[in-house]
Amino acid sequence: RGGPTTPGATAAVRAGSVRLHLALDLPYPTDIPHVCERIR
């Protein structure tokens, strides 16, 4: 909570729909595409 590895998010809500942008840290090593898709 509130540390340097805390994810960040922005949102844009328009007409009942939302676009999200997430920024986060991942552990090394990791399967980046697989983990990102599951988080998404």
PDB file of all heavy atoms in Angstrom:
ATOM      1  N   ARG A   1       0.839  -1.207   0.000  1.00  0.00           N
ATOM      2  CA  ARG A   1       0.000   0.000   0.000  1.00  0.00           C
ATOM      3  C   ARG A   1       0.864   1.243   0.000  1.00  0.00           C
ATOM      4  O   ARG A   1       1.544   1.541   0.964  1.00  0.00           O
ATOM      5  CB  ARG A   1      -0.895   0.015   1.230  1.00  0.00           C
ATOM      6  CG  ARG A   1      -1.985  -1.014   1.206  1.00  0.00           C
ATOM      7  CD  ARG A   1      -2.946  -0.683   2.321  1.00  0.00           C
ATOM      8  NE  ARG A   1      -4.216  -1.302   2.274  1.00  0.00           N
ATOM      9  CZ  ARG A   1      -5.152  -1.107   1.347  1.00  0.00           C
ATOM     10  NH1 ARG A   1      -4.925  -0.351   0.334  1.00  0.00           N
ATOM     11  NH2 ARG A   1      -6.310  -1.690   1.423  1.00  0.00           N
ATOM     12  N   GLY A   2       0.833   1.981  -1.100  1.00  0.00           N
ATOM     13  CA  GLY A   2       1.499   3.263  -1.170  1.00  0.00           C
ATOM     14  C   GLY A   2       2.999   3.196  -1.370  1.00  0.00           C
ATOM     15  O   GLY A   2       3.658   4.216  -1.375  1.00  0.00           O
ATOM     16  N   GLY A   3       3.566   2.026  -1.543  1.00  0.00           N
ATOM     17  CA  GLY A   3       5.004   1.901  -1.747  1.00  0.00           C
ATOM     18  C   GLY A   3       5.391   2.062  -3.200  1.00  0.00           C
ATOM     19  O   GLY A   3       4.555   2.334  -4.057  1.00  0.00           O
ATOM     20  N   PRO A   4       6.677   1.882  -3.493  1.00  0.00           N
ATOM     21  CA  PRO A   4       7.153   2.087  -4.856  1.00  0.00           C
ATOM     22  C   PRO A   4       6.644   1.055  -5.844  1.00  0.00           C
ATOM     23  O   PRO A   4       6.656   1.302  -7.044  1.00  0.00           O
ATOM     24  CB  PRO A   4       8.677   2.009  -4.712  1.00  0.00           C
ATOM     25  CG  PRO A   4       8.913   1.256  -3.455  1.00  0.00           C
ATOM     26  CD  PRO A   4       7.744   1.540  -2.566  1.00  0.00           C
ATOM     27  N   THR A   5       6.184  -0.105  -5.380  1.00  0.00           N
ATOM     28  CA  THR A   5       5.688  -1.122  -6.310  1.00  0.00           C
ATOM     29  C   THR A   5       4.169  -1.119  -6.438  1.00  0.00           C
ATOM     30  O   THR A   5       3.605  -2.006  -7.059  1.00  0.00           O
ATOM     31  CB  THR A   5       6.159  -2.526  -5.880  1.00  0.00           C
ATOM     32  OG1 THR A   5       5.644  -2.809  -4.584  1.00  0.00           O
ATOM     33  CG2 THR A   5       7.672  -2.631  -5.879  1.00  0.00           C
ATOM     34  N   THR A   6       3.509  -0.145  -5.849  1.00  0.00           N
ATOM     35  CA  THR A   6       2.057  -0.062  -5.933  1.00  0.00           C
ATOM     36  C   THR A   6       1.633   0.233  -7.368  1.00  0.00           C
ATOM     37  O   THR A   6       2.161   1.146  -7.989  1.00  0.00           O
ATOM     38  CB  THR A   6       1.515   1.041  -5.012  1.00  0.00           C
ATOM     39  OG1 THR A   6       1.870   0.726  -3.672  1.00  0.00           O
ATOM     40  CG2 THR A   6       0.012   1.162  -5.106  1.00  0.00           C
ATOM     41  N   PRO A   7       0.650  -0.510  -7.900  1.00  0.00           N
ATOM     42  CA  PRO A   7       0.166  -0.219  -9.246  1.00  0.00           C
ATOM     43  C   PRO A   7      -0.489   1.155  -9.312  1.00  0.00           C
ATOM     44  O   PRO A   7      -1.012   1.655  -8.316  1.00  0.00           O
ATOM     45  CB  PRO A   7      -0.874  -1.308  -9.505  1.00  0.00           C
ATOM     46  CG  PRO A   7      -0.636  -2.355  -8.483  1.00  0.00           C
ATOM     47  CD  PRO A   7       0.000  -1.669  -7.317  1.00  0.00           C
ATOM     48  N   GLY A   8      -0.474   1.731 -10.481  1.00  0.00           N
ATOM     49  CA  GLY A   8      -1.170   2.988 -10.716  1.00  0.00           C
ATOM     50  C   GLY A   8      -2.189   2.785 -11.823  1.00  0.00           C
ATOM     51  O   GLY A   8      -2.029   1.901 -12.667  1.00  0.00           O
ATOM     52  N   ALA A   9      -3.240   3.580 -11.822  1.00  0.00           N
ATOM     53  CA  ALA A   9      -4.276   3.445 -12.848  1.00  0.00           C
ATOM     54  C   ALA A   9      -4.864   4.802 -13.181  1.00  0.00           C
ATOM     55  O   ALA A   9      -4.962   5.677 -12.320  1.00  0.00           O
ATOM     56  CB  ALA A   9      -5.379   2.503 -12.377  1.00  0.00           C
ATOM     57  N   THR A  10      -5.244   4.957 -14.434  1.00  0.00           N
ATOM     58  CA  THR A  10      -6.039   6.096 -14.878  1.00  0.00           C
ATOM     59  C   THR A  10      -7.238   5.528 -15.628  1.00  0.00           C
ATOM     60  O   THR A  10      -7.167   4.419 -16.179  1.00  0.00           O
ATOM     61  CB  THR A  10      -5.246   7.054 -15.795  1.00  0.00           C
ATOM     62  OG1 THR A  10      -4.772   6.329 -16.923  1.00  0.00           O
ATOM     63  CG2 THR A  10      -4.076   7.685 -15.060  1.00  0.00           C
ATOM     64  N   ALA A  11      -8.322   6.278 -15.634  1.00  0.00           N
ATOM     65  CA  ALA A  11      -9.543   5.816 -16.283  1.00  0.00           C
ATOM     66  C   ALA A  11     -10.185   6.962 -17.048  1.00  0.00           C
ATOM     67  O   ALA A  11     -10.107   8.121 -16.630  1.00  0.00           O
ATOM     68  CB  ALA A  11     -10.521   5.275 -15.246  1.00  0.00           C
ATOM     69  N   ALA A  12     -10.827   6.621 -18.150  1.00  0.00           N
ATOM     70  CA  ALA A  12     -11.606   7.576 -18.933  1.00  0.00           C
ATOM     71  C   ALA A  12     -12.971   6.949 -19.183  1.00  0.00           C
ATOM     72  O   ALA A  12     -13.077   5.948 -19.896  1.00  0.00           O
ATOM     73  CB  ALA A  12     -10.914   7.894 -20.248  1.00  0.00           C
ATOM     74  N   VAL A  13     -13.999   7.518 -18.548  1.00  0.00           N
ATOM     75  CA  VAL A  13     -15.356   6.996 -18.663  1.00  0.00           C
ATOM     76  C   VAL A  13     -16.115   7.833 -19.680  1.00  0.00           C
ATOM     77  O   VAL A  13     -16.183   9.057 -19.559  1.00  0.00           O
ATOM     78  CB  VAL A  13     -16.085   7.031 -17.300  1.00  0.00           C
ATOM     79  CG1 VAL A  13     -17.499   6.493 -17.429  1.00  0.00           C
ATOM     80  CG2 VAL A  13     -15.309   6.260 -16.252  1.00  0.00           C
ATOM     81  N   ARG A  14     -16.693   7.172 -20.668  1.00  0.00           N
ATOM     82  CA  ARG A  14     -17.489   7.839 -21.695  1.00  0.00           C
ATOM     83  C   ARG A  14     -18.653   6.946 -22.092  1.00  0.00           C
ATOM     84  O   ARG A  14     -18.431   5.810 -22.511  1.00  0.00           O
ATOM     85  CB  ARG A  14     -16.662   8.132 -22.956  1.00  0.00           C
ATOM     86  CG  ARG A  14     -15.442   8.983 -22.747  1.00  0.00           C
ATOM     87  CD  ARG A  14     -15.811  10.442 -22.441  1.00  0.00           C
ATOM     88  NE  ARG A  14     -14.619  11.238 -22.182  1.00  0.00           N
ATOM     89  CZ  ARG A  14     -14.083  11.450 -20.991  1.00  0.00           C
ATOM     90  NH1 ARG A  14     -14.621  10.921 -19.927  1.00  0.00           N
ATOM     91  NH2 ARG A  14     -13.006  12.193 -20.852  1.00  0.00           N
ATOM     92  N   ALA A  15     -19.848   7.446 -21.959  1.00  0.00           N
ATOM     93  CA  ALA A  15     -21.072   6.793 -22.435  1.00  0.00           C
ATOM     94  C   ALA A  15     -21.197   5.336 -21.980  1.00  0.00           C
ATOM     95  O   ALA A  15     -21.437   4.456 -22.798  1.00  0.00           O
ATOM     96  CB  ALA A  15     -21.152   6.889 -23.957  1.00  0.00           C
ATOM     97  N   GLY A  16     -21.010   5.081 -20.701  1.00  0.00           N
ATOM     98  CA  GLY A  16     -21.196   3.734 -20.174  1.00  0.00           C
ATOM     99  C   GLY A  16     -20.048   2.779 -20.430  1.00  0.00           C
ATOM    100  O   GLY A  16     -20.153   1.593 -20.156  1.00  0.00           O
ATOM    101  N   SER A  17     -18.953   3.286 -20.954  1.00  0.00           N
ATOM    102  CA  SER A  17     -17.788   2.467 -21.237  1.00  0.00           C
ATOM    103  C   SER A  17     -16.566   3.124 -20.598  1.00  0.00           C
ATOM    104  O   SER A  17     -16.531   4.336 -20.416  1.00  0.00           O
ATOM    105  CB  SER A  17     -17.595   2.359 -22.750  1.00  0.00           C
ATOM    106  OG  SER A  17     -16.465   1.589 -23.055  1.00  0.00           O
ATOM    107  N   VAL A  18     -15.557   2.330 -20.282  1.00  0.00           N
ATOM    108  CA  VAL A  18     -14.366   2.873 -19.637  1.00  0.00           C
ATOM    109  C   VAL A  18     -13.120   2.335 -20.336  1.00  0.00           C
ATOM    110  O   VAL A  18     -13.081   1.192 -20.769  1.00  0.00           O
ATOM    111  CB  VAL A  18     -14.346   2.542 -18.121  1.00  0.00           C
ATOM    112  CG1 VAL A  18     -14.297   1.062 -17.871  1.00  0.00           C
ATOM    113  CG2 VAL A  18     -13.197   3.225 -17.425  1.00  0.00           C
ATOM    114  N   ARG A  19     -12.123   3.205 -20.456  1.00  0.00           N
ATOM    115  CA  ARG A  19     -10.786   2.824 -20.925  1.00  0.00           C
ATOM    116  C   ARG A  19      -9.851   2.962 -19.737  1.00  0.00           C
ATOM    117  O   ARG A  19      -9.835   3.999 -19.070  1.00  0.00           O
ATOM    118  CB  ARG A  19     -10.319   3.741 -22.054  1.00  0.00           C
ATOM    119  CG  ARG A  19     -10.988   3.455 -23.355  1.00  0.00           C
ATOM    120  CD  ARG A  19     -10.375   4.217 -24.518  1.00  0.00           C
ATOM    121  NE  ARG A  19      -9.458   5.275 -24.145  1.00  0.00           N
ATOM    122  CZ  ARG A  19      -9.608   6.561 -24.443  1.00  0.00           C
ATOM    123  NH1 ARG A  19     -10.656   6.956 -25.104  1.00  0.00           N
ATOM    124  NH2 ARG A  19      -8.714   7.452 -24.066  1.00  0.00           N
ATOM    125  N   LEU A  20      -9.061   1.921 -19.467  1.00  0.00           N
ATOM    126  CA  LEU A  20      -8.152   1.920 -18.335  1.00  0.00           C
ATOM    127  C   LEU A  20      -6.708   1.872 -18.805  1.00  0.00           C
ATOM    128  O   LEU A  20      -6.398   1.227 -19.812  1.00  0.00           O
ATOM    129  CB  LEU A  20      -8.406   0.690 -17.451  1.00  0.00           C
ATOM    130  CG  LEU A  20      -9.769   0.562 -16.801  1.00  0.00           C
ATOM    131  CD1 LEU A  20      -9.908  -0.797 -16.142  1.00  0.00           C
ATOM    132  CD2 LEU A  20      -9.985   1.675 -15.795  1.00  0.00           C
ATOM    133  N   HIS A  21      -5.841   2.538 -18.060  1.00  0.00           N
ATOM    134  CA  HIS A  21      -4.402   2.412 -18.257  1.00  0.00           C
ATOM    135  C   HIS A  21      -3.802   2.049 -16.913  1.00  0.00           C
ATOM    136  O   HIS A  21      -3.990   2.761 -15.927  1.00  0.00           O
ATOM    137  CB  HIS A  21      -3.778   3.705 -18.783  1.00  0.00           C
ATOM    138  CG  HIS A  21      -2.294   3.568 -18.947  1.00  0.00           C
ATOM    139  ND1 HIS A  21      -1.736   2.999 -20.063  1.00  0.00           N
ATOM    140  CD2 HIS A  21      -1.280   3.871 -18.123  1.00  0.00           C
ATOM    141  CE1 HIS A  21      -0.418   2.972 -19.918  1.00  0.00           C
ATOM    142  NE2 HIS A  21      -0.121   3.501 -18.741  1.00  0.00           N
ATOM    143  N   LEU A  22      -3.086   0.925 -16.870  1.00  0.00           N
ATOM    144  CA  LEU A  22      -2.453   0.443 -15.648  1.00  0.00           C
ATOM    145  C   LEU A  22      -0.948   0.508 -15.805  1.00  0.00           C
ATOM    146  O   LEU A  22      -0.416   0.254 -16.882  1.00  0.00           O
ATOM    147  CB  LEU A  22      -2.842  -1.011 -15.370  1.00  0.00           C
ATOM    148  CG  LEU A  22      -4.328  -1.343 -15.313  1.00  0.00           C
ATOM    149  CD1 LEU A  22      -4.514  -2.848 -15.236  1.00  0.00           C
ATOM    150  CD2 LEU A  22      -4.967  -0.661 -14.133  1.00  0.00           C
ATOM    151  N   ALA A  23      -0.262   0.832 -14.729  1.00  0.00           N
ATOM    152  CA  ALA A  23       1.202   0.808 -14.684  1.00  0.00           C
ATOM    153  C   ALA A  23       1.596   0.050 -13.433  1.00  0.00           C
ATOM    154  O   ALA A  23       1.148   0.379 -12.333  1.00  0.00           O
ATOM    155  CB  ALA A  23       1.759   2.224 -14.659  1.00  0.00           C
ATOM    156  N   LEU A  24       2.425  -0.987 -13.601  1.00  0.00           N
ATOM    157  CA  LEU A  24       2.803  -1.795 -12.450  1.00  0.00           C
ATOM    158  C   LEU A  24       4.173  -2.431 -12.640  1.00  0.00           C
ATOM    159  O   LEU A  24       4.738  -2.410 -13.718  1.00  0.00           O
ATOM    160  CB  LEU A  24       1.748  -2.862 -12.157  1.00  0.00           C
ATOM    161  CG  LEU A  24       1.259  -3.748 -13.299  1.00  0.00           C
ATOM    162  CD1 LEU A  24       2.114  -4.973 -13.436  1.00  0.00           C
ATOM    163  CD2 LEU A  24      -0.164  -4.135 -13.007  1.00  0.00           C
ATOM    164  N   ASP A  25       4.686  -2.961 -11.543  1.00  0.00           N
ATOM    165  CA  ASP A  25       5.960  -3.671 -11.541  1.00  0.00           C
ATOM    166  C   ASP A  25       5.670  -5.168 -11.535  1.00  0.00           C
ATOM    167  O   ASP A  25       4.664  -5.609 -10.978  1.00  0.00           O
ATOM    168  CB  ASP A  25       6.765  -3.327 -10.289  1.00  0.00           C
ATOM    169  CG  ASP A  25       7.122  -1.856 -10.207  1.00  0.00           C
ATOM    170  OD1 ASP A  25       7.024  -1.156 -11.230  1.00  0.00           O
ATOM    171  OD2 ASP A  25       7.496  -1.399  -9.113  1.00  0.00           O
ATOM    172  N   LEU A  26       6.567  -5.934 -12.140  1.00  0.00           N
ATOM    173  CA  LEU A  26       6.448  -7.388 -12.148  1.00  0.00           C
ATOM    174  C   LEU A  26       7.749  -7.993 -11.634  1.00  0.00           C
ATOM    175  O   LEU A  26       8.810  -7.387 -11.766  1.00  0.00           O
ATOM    176  CB  LEU A  26       6.163  -7.907 -13.562  1.00  0.00           C
ATOM    177  CG  LEU A  26       4.811  -7.562 -14.162  1.00  0.00           C
ATOM    178  CD1 LEU A  26       4.705  -8.103 -15.583  1.00  0.00           C
ATOM    179  CD2 LEU A  26       3.679  -8.100 -13.309  1.00  0.00           C
ATOM    180  N   PRO A  27       7.654  -9.183 -11.059  1.00  0.00           N
ATOM    181  CA  PRO A  27       8.879  -9.829 -10.580  1.00  0.00           C
ATOM    182  C   PRO A  27       9.710 -10.344 -11.759  1.00  0.00           C
ATOM    183  O   PRO A  27       9.181 -10.622 -12.835  1.00  0.00           O
ATOM    184  CB  PRO A  27       8.358 -10.991  -9.733  1.00  0.00           C
ATOM    185  CG  PRO A  27       7.019 -11.295 -10.296  1.00  0.00           C
ATOM    186  CD  PRO A  27       6.467  -9.984 -10.784  1.00  0.00           C
ATOM    187  N   TYR A  28      11.009 -10.438 -11.519  1.00  0.00           N
ATOM    188  CA  TYR A  28      11.906 -11.011 -12.515  1.00  0.00           C
ATOM    189  C   TYR A  28      12.446 -12.308 -11.963  1.00  0.00           C
ATOM    190  O   TYR A  28      12.853 -12.346 -10.797  1.00  0.00           O
ATOM    191  CB  TYR A  28      13.078 -10.062 -12.804  1.00  0.00           C
ATOM    192  CG  TYR A  28      14.062 -10.644 -13.784  1.00  0.00           C
ATOM    193  CD1 TYR A  28      13.796 -10.590 -15.138  1.00  0.00           C
ATOM    194  CD2 TYR A  28      15.215 -11.271 -13.336  1.00  0.00           C
ATOM    195  CE1 TYR A  28      14.686 -11.141 -16.040  1.00  0.00           C
ATOM    196  CE2 TYR A  28      16.112 -11.824 -14.239  1.00  0.00           C
ATOM    197  CZ  TYR A  28      15.841 -11.753 -15.588  1.00  0.00           C
ATOM    198  OH  TYR A  28      16.706 -12.306 -16.488  1.00  0.00           O
ATOM    199  N   PRO A  29      12.436 -13.377 -12.669  1.00  0.00           N
ATOM    200  CA  PRO A  29      11.895 -13.603 -14.016  1.00  0.00           C
ATOM    201  C   PRO A  29      10.405 -13.917 -13.952  1.00  0.00           C
ATOM    202  O   PRO A  29       9.904 -14.415 -12.944  1.00  0.00           O
ATOM    203  CB  PRO A  29      12.689 -14.817 -14.503  1.00  0.00           C
ATOM    204  CG  PRO A  29      12.987 -15.588 -13.261  1.00  0.00           C
ATOM    205  CD  PRO A  29      13.143 -14.554 -12.165  1.00  0.00           C
ATOM    206  N   THR A  30       9.711 -13.634 -15.044  1.00  0.00           N
ATOM    207  CA  THR A  30       8.287 -13.943 -15.161  1.00  0.00           C
ATOM    208  C   THR A  30       7.914 -14.038 -16.632  1.00  0.00           C
ATOM    209  O   THR A  30       8.611 -13.501 -17.485  1.00  0.00           O
ATOM    210  CB  THR A  30       7.425 -12.886 -14.446  1.00  0.00           C
ATOM    211  OG1 THR A  30       6.097 -13.359 -14.344  1.00  0.00           O
ATOM    212  CG2 THR A  30       7.413 -11.568 -15.180  1.00  0.00           C
ATOM    213  N   ASP A  31       6.833 -14.700 -16.911  1.00  0.00           N
ATOM    214  CA  ASP A  31       6.292 -14.790 -18.267  1.00  0.00           C
ATOM    215  C   ASP A  31       5.424 -13.536 -18.477  1.00  0.00           C
ATOM    216  O   ASP A  31       4.233 -13.530 -18.183  1.00  0.00           O
ATOM    217  CB  ASP A  31       5.469 -16.060 -18.412  1.00  0.00           C
ATOM    218  CG  ASP A  31       4.886 -16.247 -19.799  1.00  0.00           C
ATOM    219  OD1 ASP A  31       5.109 -15.380 -20.676  1.00  0.00           O
ATOM    220  OD2 ASP A  31       4.189 -17.256 -20.001  1.00  0.00           O
ATOM    221  N   ILE A  32       6.038 -12.467 -18.943  1.00  0.00           N
ATOM    222  CA  ILE A  32       5.389 -11.153 -18.998  1.00  0.00           C
ATOM    223  C   ILE A  32       4.076 -11.171 -19.791  1.00  0.00           C
ATOM    224  O   ILE A  32       3.052 -10.714 -19.274  1.00  0.00           O
ATOM    225  CB  ILE A  32       6.362 -10.085 -19.522  1.00  0.00           C
ATOM    226  CG1 ILE A  32       7.508  -9.926 -18.520  1.00  0.00           C
ATOM    227  CG2 ILE A  32       5.653  -8.750 -19.744  1.00  0.00           C
ATOM    228  CD1 ILE A  32       8.636  -9.043 -19.005  1.00  0.00           C
ATOM    229  N   PRO A  33       4.037 -11.687 -21.033  1.00  0.00           N
ATOM    230  CA  PRO A  33       2.762 -11.649 -21.770  1.00  0.00           C
ATOM    231  C   PRO A  33       1.634 -12.407 -21.063  1.00  0.00           C
ATOM    232  O   PRO A  33       0.505 -11.924 -20.997  1.00  0.00           O
ATOM    233  CB  PRO A  33       3.086 -12.299 -23.110  1.00  0.00           C
ATOM    234  CG  PRO A  33       4.561 -12.201 -23.247  1.00  0.00           C
ATOM    235  CD  PRO A  33       5.114 -12.227 -21.861  1.00  0.00           C
ATOM    236  N   HIS A  34       1.953 -13.568 -20.521  1.00  0.00           N
ATOM    237  CA  HIS A  34       0.933 -14.378 -19.854  1.00  0.00           C
ATOM    238  C   HIS A  34       0.415 -13.688 -18.589  1.00  0.00           C
ATOM    239  O   HIS A  34      -0.799 -13.583 -18.366  1.00  0.00           O
ATOM    240  CB  HIS A  34       1.519 -15.756 -19.517  1.00  0.00           C
ATOM    241  CG  HIS A  34       0.544 -16.670 -18.880  1.00  0.00           C
ATOM    242  ND1 HIS A  34       0.466 -16.854 -17.527  1.00  0.00           N
ATOM    243  CD2 HIS A  34      -0.422 -17.450 -19.416  1.00  0.00           C
ATOM    244  CE1 HIS A  34      -0.505 -17.699 -17.243  1.00  0.00           C
ATOM    245  NE2 HIS A  34      -1.051 -18.091 -18.379  1.00  0.00           N
ATOM    246  N   VAL A  35       1.319 -13.204 -17.761  1.00  0.00           N
ATOM    247  CA  VAL A  35       0.929 -12.543 -16.516  1.00  0.00           C
ATOM    248  C   VAL A  35       0.148 -11.259 -16.809  1.00  0.00           C
ATOM    249  O   VAL A  35      -0.875 -10.981 -16.183  1.00  0.00           O
ATOM    250  CB  VAL A  35       2.168 -12.262 -15.636  1.00  0.00           C
ATOM    251  CG1 VAL A  35       1.820 -11.345 -14.473  1.00  0.00           C
ATOM    252  CG2 VAL A  35       2.753 -13.564 -15.119  1.00  0.00           C
ATOM    253  N   CYS A  36       0.615 -10.484 -17.779  1.00  0.00           N
ATOM    254  CA  CYS A  36      -0.082  -9.234 -18.123  1.00  0.00           C
ATOM    255  C   CYS A  36      -1.496  -9.503 -18.625  1.00  0.00           C
ATOM    256  O   CYS A  36      -2.434  -8.784 -18.259  1.00  0.00           O
ATOM    257  CB  CYS A  36       0.703  -8.457 -19.181  1.00  0.00           C
ATOM    258  SG  CYS A  36       2.187  -7.686 -18.518  1.00  0.00           S
ATOM    259  N   GLU A  37      -1.680 -10.522 -19.434  1.00  0.00           N
ATOM    260  CA  GLU A  37      -3.016 -10.840 -19.941  1.00  0.00           C
ATOM    261  C   GLU A  37      -3.946 -11.250 -18.807  1.00  0.00           C
ATOM    262  O   GLU A  37      -5.099 -10.839 -18.770  1.00  0.00           O
ATOM    263  CB  GLU A  37      -2.945 -11.950 -20.992  1.00  0.00           C
ATOM    264  CG  GLU A  37      -4.284 -12.311 -21.574  1.00  0.00           C
ATOM    265  CD  GLU A  37      -5.046 -11.135 -22.164  1.00  0.00           C
ATOM    266  OE1 GLU A  37      -4.414 -10.232 -22.746  1.00  0.00           O
ATOM    267  OE2 GLU A  37      -6.293 -11.098 -22.032  1.00  0.00           O
ATOM    268  N   ARG A  38      -3.450 -12.023 -17.863  1.00  0.00           N
ATOM    269  CA  ARG A  38      -4.285 -12.449 -16.740  1.00  0.00           C
ATOM    270  C   ARG A  38      -4.624 -11.268 -15.827  1.00  0.00           C
ATOM    271  O   ARG A  38      -5.752 -11.154 -15.354  1.00  0.00           O
ATOM    272  CB  ARG A  38      -3.607 -13.561 -15.975  1.00  0.00           C
ATOM    273  CG  ARG A  38      -3.493 -14.803 -16.900  1.00  0.00           C
ATOM    274  CD  ARG A  38      -3.134 -16.027 -16.234  1.00  0.00           C
ATOM    275  NE  ARG A  38      -4.227 -16.472 -15.370  1.00  0.00           N
ATOM    276  CZ  ARG A  38      -4.167 -17.605 -14.717  1.00  0.00           C
ATOM    277  NH1 ARG A  38      -3.130 -18.381 -14.831  1.00  0.00           N
ATOM    278  NH2 ARG A  38      -5.156 -17.966 -13.932  1.00  0.00           N
ATOM    279  N   ILE A  39      -3.660 -10.386 -15.589  1.00  0.00           N
ATOM    280  CA  ILE A  39      -3.920  -9.185 -14.783  1.00  0.00           C
ATOM    281  C   ILE A  39      -4.931  -8.300 -15.499  1.00  0.00           C
ATOM    282  O   ILE A  39      -5.884  -7.798 -14.895  1.00  0.00           O
ATOM    283  CB  ILE A  39      -2.619  -8.419 -14.478  1.00  0.00           C
ATOM    284  CG1 ILE A  39      -1.765  -9.213 -13.485  1.00  0.00           C
ATOM    285  CG2 ILE A  39      -2.917  -7.021 -13.939  1.00  0.00           C
ATOM    286  CD1 ILE A  39      -0.383  -8.645 -13.249  1.00  0.00           C
ATOM    287  N   ARG A  40      -4.750  -8.115 -16.794  1.00  0.00           N
ATOM    288  CA  ARG A  40      -5.668  -7.304 -17.599  1.00  0.00           C
ATOM    289  C   ARG A  40      -7.089  -7.853 -17.498  1.00  0.00           C
ATOM    290  O   ARG A  40      -8.051  -7.101 -17.294  1.00  0.00           O
ATOM    291  CB  ARG A  40      -5.177  -7.314 -19.050  1.00  0.00           C
ATOM    292  CG  ARG A  40      -5.828  -6.306 -19.928  1.00  0.00           C
ATOM    293  CD  ARG A  40      -5.270  -6.337 -21.344  1.00  0.00           C
ATOM    294  NE  ARG A  40      -3.909  -5.820 -21.380  1.00  0.00           N
ATOM    295  CZ  ARG A  40      -2.882  -6.448 -21.932  1.00  0.00           C
ATOM    296  NH1 ARG A  40      -3.034  -7.617 -22.501  1.00  0.00           N
ATOM    297  NH2 ARG A  40      -1.691  -5.895 -21.937  1.00  0.00           N
TER     298      ARG A  40
END
